[in-house]
Amino acid sequence: MSKDTSGSAFPLAHDGALHLERGLTKREYFAAMAMQGQSISDWDSIQFDVLAKLCCKAADALIAELAK
């Protein structure tokens, strides 16, 4: 497994021309997956800024662990 944590979570994509898309970083992808994994039933009471920070911390911890 590669220890490069700065790369894209997905390979480069192109449309046949010179338009390249890098997609999400590994950190963005892991944070999104952490957020998706939260089962929140009361959307009115959730503090999304707190949830976002926690998901980013989880992504950073996963990246650090995978780099070992």
N, C-alpha and C. Protein backbone atom coordinates (compact mmCIF):
# COMPACT_ATOMS: atom_id res chain seq x y z
N MET A 1 0.84 -1.17 0.00
CA MET A 1 0.00 0.00 0.00
C MET A 1 0.89 1.24 0.00
N SER A 2 0.50 2.19 -0.80
CA SER A 2 1.25 3.44 -0.87
C SER A 2 1.08 4.25 0.41
N LYS A 3 2.15 4.89 0.83
CA LYS A 3 2.08 5.74 2.02
C LYS A 3 1.89 7.21 1.64
N ASP A 4 1.65 7.48 0.37
CA ASP A 4 1.41 8.85 -0.09
C ASP A 4 0.00 9.25 0.31
N THR A 5 -0.13 10.22 1.20
CA THR A 5 -1.45 10.65 1.67
C THR A 5 -1.94 11.91 0.97
N SER A 6 -1.13 12.47 0.09
CA SER A 6 -1.51 13.72 -0.55
C SER A 6 -2.22 13.51 -1.88
N GLY A 7 -2.22 12.30 -2.37
CA GLY A 7 -2.77 12.03 -3.68
C GLY A 7 -4.28 11.98 -3.72
N SER A 8 -4.78 11.78 -4.92
CA SER A 8 -6.21 11.71 -5.15
C SER A 8 -6.76 10.37 -4.67
N ALA A 9 -7.98 10.38 -4.22
CA ALA A 9 -8.64 9.14 -3.82
C ALA A 9 -9.04 8.33 -5.04
N PHE A 10 -9.07 8.95 -6.20
CA PHE A 10 -9.48 8.29 -7.43
C PHE A 10 -8.49 8.63 -8.54
N PRO A 11 -8.36 7.76 -9.52
CA PRO A 11 -7.46 8.06 -10.64
C PRO A 11 -7.94 9.29 -11.42
N LEU A 12 -7.03 9.82 -12.19
CA LEU A 12 -7.40 10.96 -13.03
C LEU A 12 -8.44 10.54 -14.05
N ALA A 13 -9.33 11.43 -14.34
CA ALA A 13 -10.35 11.18 -15.36
C ALA A 13 -10.25 12.28 -16.41
N HIS A 14 -10.60 11.95 -17.63
CA HIS A 14 -10.60 12.98 -18.68
C HIS A 14 -11.75 12.68 -19.63
N ASP A 15 -12.10 13.67 -20.40
CA ASP A 15 -13.23 13.53 -21.32
C ASP A 15 -12.78 13.35 -22.76
N GLY A 16 -11.55 12.93 -22.98
CA GLY A 16 -11.03 12.75 -24.33
C GLY A 16 -10.32 13.99 -24.84
N ALA A 17 -10.54 15.10 -24.18
CA ALA A 17 -9.85 16.35 -24.56
C ALA A 17 -8.78 16.62 -23.51
N LEU A 18 -8.52 17.87 -23.25
CA LEU A 18 -7.49 18.23 -22.28
C LEU A 18 -8.07 18.61 -20.92
N HIS A 19 -9.28 18.19 -20.64
CA HIS A 19 -9.92 18.53 -19.38
C HIS A 19 -9.69 17.39 -18.38
N LEU A 20 -8.82 17.63 -17.42
CA LEU A 20 -8.52 16.62 -16.41
C LEU A 20 -9.20 16.96 -15.09
N GLU A 21 -9.69 15.96 -14.44
CA GLU A 21 -10.31 16.11 -13.13
C GLU A 21 -9.52 15.28 -12.13
N ARG A 22 -9.12 15.87 -11.02
CA ARG A 22 -8.38 15.13 -10.01
C ARG A 22 -9.31 14.48 -8.99
N GLY A 23 -10.50 14.94 -8.85
CA GLY A 23 -11.41 14.35 -7.88
C GLY A 23 -11.07 14.75 -6.46
N LEU A 24 -11.59 13.98 -5.50
CA LEU A 24 -11.37 14.26 -4.09
C LEU A 24 -10.00 13.80 -3.63
N THR A 25 -9.47 14.49 -2.64
CA THR A 25 -8.26 13.99 -2.00
C THR A 25 -8.66 12.82 -1.09
N LYS A 26 -7.68 12.06 -0.66
CA LYS A 26 -7.97 10.97 0.27
C LYS A 26 -8.61 11.52 1.55
N ARG A 27 -8.11 12.65 2.02
CA ARG A 27 -8.67 13.25 3.24
C ARG A 27 -10.13 13.62 3.05
N GLU A 28 -10.44 14.26 1.92
CA GLU A 28 -11.83 14.64 1.65
C GLU A 28 -12.73 13.40 1.54
N TYR A 29 -12.24 12.37 0.89
CA TYR A 29 -13.02 11.15 0.71
C TYR A 29 -13.27 10.46 2.05
N PHE A 30 -12.21 10.31 2.86
CA PHE A 30 -12.37 9.66 4.16
C PHE A 30 -13.30 10.45 5.07
N ALA A 31 -13.19 11.79 5.05
CA ALA A 31 -14.07 12.63 5.87
C ALA A 31 -15.52 12.49 5.42
N ALA A 32 -15.75 12.44 4.13
CA ALA A 32 -17.11 12.27 3.60
C ALA A 32 -17.68 10.92 4.01
N MET A 33 -16.85 9.89 3.97
CA MET A 33 -17.31 8.56 4.37
C MET A 33 -17.62 8.53 5.86
N ALA A 34 -16.83 9.21 6.67
CA ALA A 34 -17.10 9.28 8.11
C ALA A 34 -18.42 10.00 8.36
N MET A 35 -18.65 11.08 7.62
CA MET A 35 -19.90 11.82 7.78
C MET A 35 -21.09 10.97 7.33
N GLN A 36 -20.91 10.26 6.25
CA GLN A 36 -21.99 9.41 5.74
C GLN A 36 -22.33 8.31 6.74
N GLY A 37 -21.32 7.85 7.46
CA GLY A 37 -21.52 6.78 8.42
C GLY A 37 -22.28 7.19 9.66
N GLN A 38 -22.44 8.45 9.88
CA GLN A 38 -23.18 8.91 11.05
C GLN A 38 -24.67 8.71 10.84
N SER A 39 -25.29 8.06 11.78
CA SER A 39 -26.76 7.90 11.67
C SER A 39 -27.40 8.93 12.59
N ILE A 40 -27.87 9.97 11.99
CA ILE A 40 -28.44 11.09 12.73
C ILE A 40 -29.93 11.13 12.45
N SER A 41 -30.71 11.02 13.50
CA SER A 41 -32.16 11.01 13.30
C SER A 41 -32.77 12.39 13.47
N ASP A 42 -32.13 13.24 14.24
CA ASP A 42 -32.69 14.56 14.49
C ASP A 42 -31.84 15.63 13.81
N TRP A 43 -32.10 15.89 12.55
CA TRP A 43 -31.30 16.83 11.75
C TRP A 43 -31.41 18.25 12.25
N ASP A 44 -32.48 18.58 12.96
CA ASP A 44 -32.65 19.94 13.43
C ASP A 44 -31.73 20.30 14.59
N SER A 45 -31.28 19.29 15.34
CA SER A 45 -30.47 19.59 16.52
C SER A 45 -28.97 19.36 16.30
N ILE A 46 -28.58 18.86 15.13
CA ILE A 46 -27.17 18.57 14.89
C ILE A 46 -26.40 19.86 14.61
N GLN A 47 -25.21 19.95 15.14
CA GLN A 47 -24.32 21.07 14.85
C GLN A 47 -23.36 20.59 13.76
N PHE A 48 -23.64 20.95 12.54
CA PHE A 48 -22.88 20.43 11.41
C PHE A 48 -21.42 20.87 11.43
N ASP A 49 -21.13 22.04 11.98
CA ASP A 49 -19.74 22.46 12.06
C ASP A 49 -18.95 21.54 12.99
N VAL A 50 -19.57 21.10 14.07
CA VAL A 50 -18.92 20.16 15.00
C VAL A 50 -18.75 18.80 14.33
N LEU A 51 -19.80 18.34 13.66
CA LEU A 51 -19.73 17.05 12.97
C LEU A 51 -18.64 17.07 11.89
N ALA A 52 -18.54 18.16 11.15
CA ALA A 52 -17.53 18.26 10.09
C ALA A 52 -16.13 18.20 10.67
N LYS A 53 -15.90 18.89 11.79
CA LYS A 53 -14.58 18.87 12.43
C LYS A 53 -14.24 17.47 12.92
N LEU A 54 -15.21 16.77 13.51
CA LEU A 54 -14.97 15.41 13.99
C LEU A 54 -14.66 14.46 12.83
N CYS A 55 -15.36 14.61 11.73
CA CYS A 55 -15.12 13.75 10.57
C CYS A 55 -13.74 14.02 9.96
N CYS A 56 -13.32 15.26 9.95
CA CYS A 56 -11.97 15.58 9.46
C CYS A 56 -10.91 15.00 10.38
N LYS A 57 -11.15 15.04 11.70
CA LYS A 57 -10.22 14.43 12.65
C LYS A 57 -10.14 12.91 12.42
N ALA A 58 -11.29 12.29 12.17
CA ALA A 58 -11.31 10.85 11.90
C ALA A 58 -10.54 10.54 10.63
N ALA A 59 -10.70 11.36 9.60
CA ALA A 59 -9.97 11.15 8.35
C ALA A 59 -8.47 11.29 8.57
N ASP A 60 -8.06 12.30 9.32
CA ASP A 60 -6.64 12.50 9.62
C ASP A 60 -6.06 11.32 10.40
N ALA A 61 -6.83 10.80 11.35
CA ALA A 61 -6.36 9.65 12.13
C ALA A 61 -6.22 8.41 11.25
N LEU A 62 -7.14 8.21 10.33
CA LEU A 62 -7.06 7.07 9.42
C LEU A 62 -5.85 7.19 8.51
N ILE A 63 -5.63 8.37 7.97
CA ILE A 63 -4.47 8.60 7.10
C ILE A 63 -3.17 8.35 7.87
N ALA A 64 -3.10 8.83 9.11
CA ALA A 64 -1.89 8.62 9.93
C ALA A 64 -1.68 7.14 10.21
N GLU A 65 -2.74 6.43 10.51
CA GLU A 65 -2.61 5.01 10.79
C GLU A 65 -2.20 4.22 9.55
N LEU A 66 -2.75 4.58 8.41
CA LEU A 66 -2.40 3.89 7.17
C LEU A 66 -0.95 4.17 6.75
N ALA A 67 -0.42 5.29 7.18
CA ALA A 67 0.95 5.67 6.82
C ALA A 67 1.99 4.90 7.63
N LYS A 68 1.56 4.22 8.68
CA LYS A 68 2.51 3.48 9.55
C LYS A 68 3.03 2.24 8.85
